[in-house]
Amino acid sequence: MGKLTLTTFLTLDGVMQAPGGPDEDRSGGFAYGGWLVPFADEGMGEFVNELFGRAEAFLLGRRTYEIFASYWPLHDDPADPVPNKLNRLPKYIASTTLKDPEWGPAAVVDGEHLQAEIVRIKDAMDGELQVHGSGQLAQWLLARDLVDELNLLVFPVFLGAGRRLFPTGGLPTAFELTASRTTGSGTAIHTYRPTGRASFGTFAD
């Protein structure tokens, strides 16, 4: 069986919105798009290449799929694992509105059957079913304990506004740190595996 991995770029205050450019996602009046770019470095690139090298398929939200579809087909490079995998591997889009995805190979998975479809897809593969970005989908998956591995790339910048990965009301969950590294620009990359519900205690005698 494969595993579902979720990879997210985050600011110090947990913002995940529009890391790659000013016009990537202006929803909610967000004006800080492109906050990741000044910190992109060789260390980040090495991790991303390793990550995409393990991909067997992708699970994406509609917005992220459309952002990727407008960029990666125009920047294809079979020698680069990122565009090579994104342009050629199966892409499953969680959406109730998208009907005919043009950037393939791709299939739309209706939200009502998404959990069962994820199990079916994982059963048929050995590698990683990777989720990138896709904020609403990521929150939905975390709330249902469907994420097998979580990669957080935390960049040294604070914004004070924007969509966050972990909203109020999420399930209290404990994680085990399985890998960690820091890039030259100060980006902290952590890989976590969920271990179950969070436990609580006290330091009082």
Foldseek 3Di string as FASTA:
>chain_A
DEAEEEEAEAEPVFFGPQCCDQPLDCPPNDRDHNVCVVLDDPVVLVVVQVVLVQDQEEEEEPSVLVSCVVPLVVVADCVGSPSVCVQPHEYEYEDPPDDDDPRDPYDYDYPVCVVVVVVVVRVVDHTYHYYYRRQVVLQVCQQVVRHFKYKYWYAHDDDPDHDGNDDPPGFAWDWDWDDWDADPSGIIITMIGTDGHDDDDDPDD
